[in-house]
Amino acid sequence: MEDAEIVLMFSLLMIPAAIWLQLWVKNRREKRRNELGEEEFENTARAFGSIILEGTAIVGGLIMIIMGSSGVLKYVLNFYNT
């Protein structure tokens, strides 16, 4: 296998992992909602930790989606360019 195919495989594996990460954050937020639709935390430390964890997951997931789709696009462009 050449390097291009290996990059393509990792890119294709990265996209579903990133989508799962985004869905995980969404489900985590939905579990914290009360009857009025507001997010509730037990204390400030839990709120701060949740903001840091979920923010990192969202940004990391978006970076993974961008890198994965660019790897697929690069492979397609190189494949049809030659």
N, C-alpha and C. Protein backbone atom coordinates (compact mmCIF):
# COMPACT_ATOMS: atom_id res chain seq x y z
N MET A 1 0.82 -1.18 0.00
CA MET A 1 0.00 0.00 0.00
C MET A 1 0.87 1.25 0.00
N GLU A 2 0.46 2.21 -0.77
CA GLU A 2 1.21 3.45 -0.82
C GLU A 2 0.79 4.38 0.30
N ASP A 3 1.53 5.44 0.44
CA ASP A 3 1.23 6.41 1.50
C ASP A 3 -0.13 7.07 1.29
N ALA A 4 -0.51 7.30 0.05
CA ALA A 4 -1.79 7.98 -0.23
C ALA A 4 -2.97 7.14 0.25
N GLU A 5 -2.89 5.83 0.06
CA GLU A 5 -3.99 4.97 0.51
C GLU A 5 -4.06 4.89 2.04
N ILE A 6 -2.92 4.91 2.69
CA ILE A 6 -2.89 4.89 4.15
C ILE A 6 -3.50 6.17 4.70
N VAL A 7 -3.16 7.32 4.10
CA VAL A 7 -3.73 8.59 4.52
C VAL A 7 -5.24 8.59 4.29
N LEU A 8 -5.67 8.02 3.16
CA LEU A 8 -7.10 7.94 2.87
C LEU A 8 -7.82 7.09 3.91
N MET A 9 -7.25 5.95 4.29
CA MET A 9 -7.89 5.09 5.29
C MET A 9 -8.03 5.80 6.63
N PHE A 10 -6.97 6.48 7.08
CA PHE A 10 -7.04 7.21 8.34
C PHE A 10 -8.03 8.36 8.25
N SER A 11 -8.09 9.01 7.10
CA SER A 11 -9.04 10.11 6.93
C SER A 11 -10.47 9.60 6.99
N LEU A 12 -10.73 8.47 6.37
CA LEU A 12 -12.08 7.90 6.40
C LEU A 12 -12.46 7.39 7.78
N LEU A 13 -11.49 6.95 8.56
CA LEU A 13 -11.77 6.51 9.93
C LEU A 13 -11.94 7.69 10.88
N MET A 14 -11.32 8.81 10.56
CA MET A 14 -11.37 9.97 11.43
C MET A 14 -12.74 10.66 11.40
N ILE A 15 -13.40 10.66 10.27
CA ILE A 15 -14.67 11.37 10.13
C ILE A 15 -15.76 10.77 11.03
N PRO A 16 -16.00 9.44 11.03
CA PRO A 16 -17.02 8.92 11.95
C PRO A 16 -16.67 9.10 13.43
N ALA A 17 -15.38 9.04 13.75
CA ALA A 17 -14.97 9.27 15.14
C ALA A 17 -15.28 10.70 15.56
N ALA A 18 -15.06 11.64 14.68
CA ALA A 18 -15.35 13.04 14.99
C ALA A 18 -16.86 13.27 15.12
N ILE A 19 -17.64 12.63 14.27
CA ILE A 19 -19.10 12.77 14.36
C ILE A 19 -19.59 12.15 15.67
N TRP A 20 -19.04 11.01 16.07
CA TRP A 20 -19.40 10.40 17.35
C TRP A 20 -19.08 11.33 18.50
N LEU A 21 -17.94 12.01 18.42
CA LEU A 21 -17.55 12.93 19.48
C LEU A 21 -18.54 14.09 19.58
N GLN A 22 -19.00 14.61 18.46
CA GLN A 22 -19.99 15.69 18.48
C GLN A 22 -21.32 15.20 19.07
N LEU A 23 -21.73 14.00 18.72
CA LEU A 23 -22.96 13.45 19.26
C LEU A 23 -22.85 13.17 20.76
N TRP A 24 -21.68 12.77 21.21
CA TRP A 24 -21.45 12.54 22.63
C TRP A 24 -21.65 13.82 23.42
N VAL A 25 -21.11 14.93 22.91
CA VAL A 25 -21.27 16.22 23.58
C VAL A 25 -22.75 16.62 23.59
N LYS A 26 -23.44 16.41 22.48
CA LYS A 26 -24.86 16.77 22.41
C LYS A 26 -25.68 15.96 23.42
N ASN A 27 -25.45 14.66 23.51
CA ASN A 27 -26.19 13.82 24.47
C ASN A 27 -25.86 14.21 25.91
N ARG A 28 -24.62 14.57 26.16
CA ARG A 28 -24.20 14.99 27.49
C ARG A 28 -24.93 16.26 27.91
N ARG A 29 -25.09 17.18 26.97
CA ARG A 29 -25.81 18.42 27.27
C ARG A 29 -27.30 18.17 27.47
N GLU A 30 -27.86 17.27 26.68
CA GLU A 30 -29.29 16.97 26.80
C GLU A 30 -29.62 16.34 28.15
N LYS A 31 -28.71 15.54 28.70
CA LYS A 31 -28.95 14.90 30.00
C LYS A 31 -29.00 15.91 31.14
N ARG A 32 -28.34 17.05 30.97
CA ARG A 32 -28.29 18.06 32.02
C ARG A 32 -29.47 19.03 31.98
N ARG A 33 -30.30 18.94 31.00
CA ARG A 33 -31.41 19.90 30.87
C ARG A 33 -32.52 19.60 31.88
N ASN A 34 -33.11 20.67 32.42
CA ASN A 34 -34.23 20.51 33.34
C ASN A 34 -35.55 20.67 32.57
N GLU A 35 -36.65 20.79 33.27
CA GLU A 35 -37.96 20.87 32.64
C GLU A 35 -38.11 22.13 31.79
N LEU A 36 -37.43 23.20 32.17
CA LEU A 36 -37.53 24.47 31.44
C LEU A 36 -36.57 24.54 30.25
N GLY A 37 -35.72 23.55 30.10
CA GLY A 37 -34.77 23.53 29.00
C GLY A 37 -33.43 24.18 29.31
N GLU A 38 -33.20 24.51 30.57
CA GLU A 38 -31.94 25.12 30.97
C GLU A 38 -30.98 24.05 31.46
N GLU A 39 -29.69 24.30 31.26
CA GLU A 39 -28.68 23.37 31.76
C GLU A 39 -28.45 23.62 33.24
N GLU A 40 -28.38 22.54 34.00
CA GLU A 40 -28.15 22.65 35.44
C GLU A 40 -26.87 21.92 35.83
N PHE A 41 -26.12 22.54 36.73
CA PHE A 41 -24.91 21.94 37.29
C PHE A 41 -25.04 21.91 38.80
N GLU A 42 -24.39 20.93 39.44
CA GLU A 42 -24.44 20.86 40.89
C GLU A 42 -23.63 21.96 41.54
N ASN A 43 -22.47 22.27 40.97
CA ASN A 43 -21.62 23.32 41.52
C ASN A 43 -20.80 23.96 40.41
N THR A 44 -20.06 24.97 40.79
CA THR A 44 -19.27 25.73 39.81
C THR A 44 -18.13 24.89 39.24
N ALA A 45 -17.53 24.06 40.06
CA ALA A 45 -16.42 23.23 39.59
C ALA A 45 -16.88 22.26 38.51
N ARG A 46 -18.04 21.67 38.68
CA ARG A 46 -18.57 20.76 37.66
C ARG A 46 -18.91 21.52 36.38
N ALA A 47 -19.42 22.72 36.50
CA ALA A 47 -19.73 23.54 35.33
C ALA A 47 -18.45 23.90 34.58
N PHE A 48 -17.43 24.32 35.32
CA PHE A 48 -16.16 24.68 34.70
C PHE A 48 -15.51 23.47 34.02
N GLY A 49 -15.51 22.34 34.70
CA GLY A 49 -14.95 21.12 34.10
C GLY A 49 -15.70 20.70 32.85
N SER A 50 -17.02 20.84 32.89
CA SER A 50 -17.83 20.47 31.74
C SER A 50 -17.56 21.40 30.56
N ILE A 51 -17.40 22.69 30.85
CA ILE A 51 -17.10 23.64 29.77
C ILE A 51 -15.77 23.31 29.13
N ILE A 52 -14.76 23.02 29.93
CA ILE A 52 -13.43 22.70 29.40
C ILE A 52 -13.48 21.39 28.59
N LEU A 53 -14.10 20.35 29.15
CA LEU A 53 -14.15 19.05 28.48
C LEU A 53 -14.94 19.11 27.19
N GLU A 54 -16.13 19.69 27.23
CA GLU A 54 -16.96 19.74 26.04
C GLU A 54 -16.40 20.69 25.00
N GLY A 55 -15.81 21.79 25.44
CA GLY A 55 -15.19 22.71 24.48
C GLY A 55 -14.03 22.07 23.75
N THR A 56 -13.21 21.34 24.49
CA THR A 56 -12.09 20.63 23.87
C THR A 56 -12.59 19.56 22.91
N ALA A 57 -13.65 18.86 23.28
CA ALA A 57 -14.20 17.82 22.41
C ALA A 57 -14.79 18.41 21.14
N ILE A 58 -15.47 19.54 21.25
CA ILE A 58 -16.05 20.17 20.06
C ILE A 58 -14.97 20.67 19.12
N VAL A 59 -14.00 21.39 19.66
CA VAL A 59 -12.93 21.92 18.82
C VAL A 59 -12.10 20.78 18.22
N GLY A 60 -11.79 19.77 19.02
CA GLY A 60 -11.05 18.62 18.50
C GLY A 60 -11.82 17.88 17.43
N GLY A 61 -13.12 17.71 17.63
CA GLY A 61 -13.94 17.04 16.63
C GLY A 61 -14.01 17.81 15.33
N LEU A 62 -14.12 19.12 15.42
CA LEU A 62 -14.15 19.93 14.20
C LEU A 62 -12.81 19.87 13.47
N ILE A 63 -11.72 19.88 14.22
CA ILE A 63 -10.41 19.75 13.59
C ILE A 63 -10.29 18.39 12.91
N MET A 64 -10.78 17.34 13.56
CA MET A 64 -10.73 16.00 12.96
C MET A 64 -11.56 15.94 11.68
N ILE A 65 -12.73 16.59 11.66
CA ILE A 65 -13.56 16.59 10.46
C ILE A 65 -12.85 17.34 9.33
N ILE A 66 -12.24 18.47 9.64
CA ILE A 66 -11.54 19.25 8.62
C ILE A 66 -10.36 18.46 8.07
N MET A 67 -9.57 17.86 8.95
CA MET A 67 -8.40 17.10 8.50
C MET A 67 -8.81 15.85 7.72
N GLY A 68 -9.86 15.17 8.18
CA GLY A 68 -10.32 13.98 7.48
C GLY A 68 -10.86 14.29 6.11
N SER A 69 -11.67 15.33 6.00
CA SER A 69 -12.23 15.68 4.69
C SER A 69 -11.15 16.22 3.76
N SER A 70 -10.16 16.93 4.30
CA SER A 70 -9.08 17.40 3.43
C SER A 70 -8.21 16.24 2.95
N GLY A 71 -8.03 15.21 3.78
CA GLY A 71 -7.28 14.03 3.33
C GLY A 71 -8.00 13.30 2.21
N VAL A 72 -9.32 13.18 2.32
CA VAL A 72 -10.11 12.54 1.26
C VAL A 72 -10.05 13.38 0.00
N LEU A 73 -10.21 14.69 0.14
CA LEU A 73 -10.18 15.58 -1.02
C LEU A 73 -8.82 15.56 -1.70
N LYS A 74 -7.75 15.53 -0.91
CA LYS A 74 -6.41 15.47 -1.48
C LYS A 74 -6.21 14.17 -2.26
N TYR A 75 -6.71 13.06 -1.72
CA TYR A 75 -6.60 11.78 -2.42
C TYR A 75 -7.36 11.82 -3.74
N VAL A 76 -8.58 12.34 -3.71
CA VAL A 76 -9.39 12.39 -4.93
C VAL A 76 -8.73 13.28 -5.97
N LEU A 77 -8.21 14.43 -5.56
CA LEU A 77 -7.55 15.32 -6.51
C LEU A 77 -6.30 14.67 -7.10
N ASN A 78 -5.50 14.00 -6.27
CA ASN A 78 -4.32 13.32 -6.78
C ASN A 78 -4.68 12.14 -7.67
N PHE A 79 -5.76 11.45 -7.37
CA PHE A 79 -6.17 10.29 -8.16
C PHE A 79 -6.62 10.71 -9.55
N TYR A 80 -7.43 11.77 -9.62
CA TYR A 80 -7.93 12.21 -10.92
C TYR A 80 -6.97 13.14 -11.65
N ASN A 81 -5.92 13.61 -10.98
CA ASN A 81 -4.95 14.48 -11.60
C ASN A 81 -3.93 13.70 -12.43
N THR A 82 -3.70 12.45 -12.06
CA THR A 82 -2.71 11.65 -12.79
C THR A 82 -3.32 10.80 -13.85
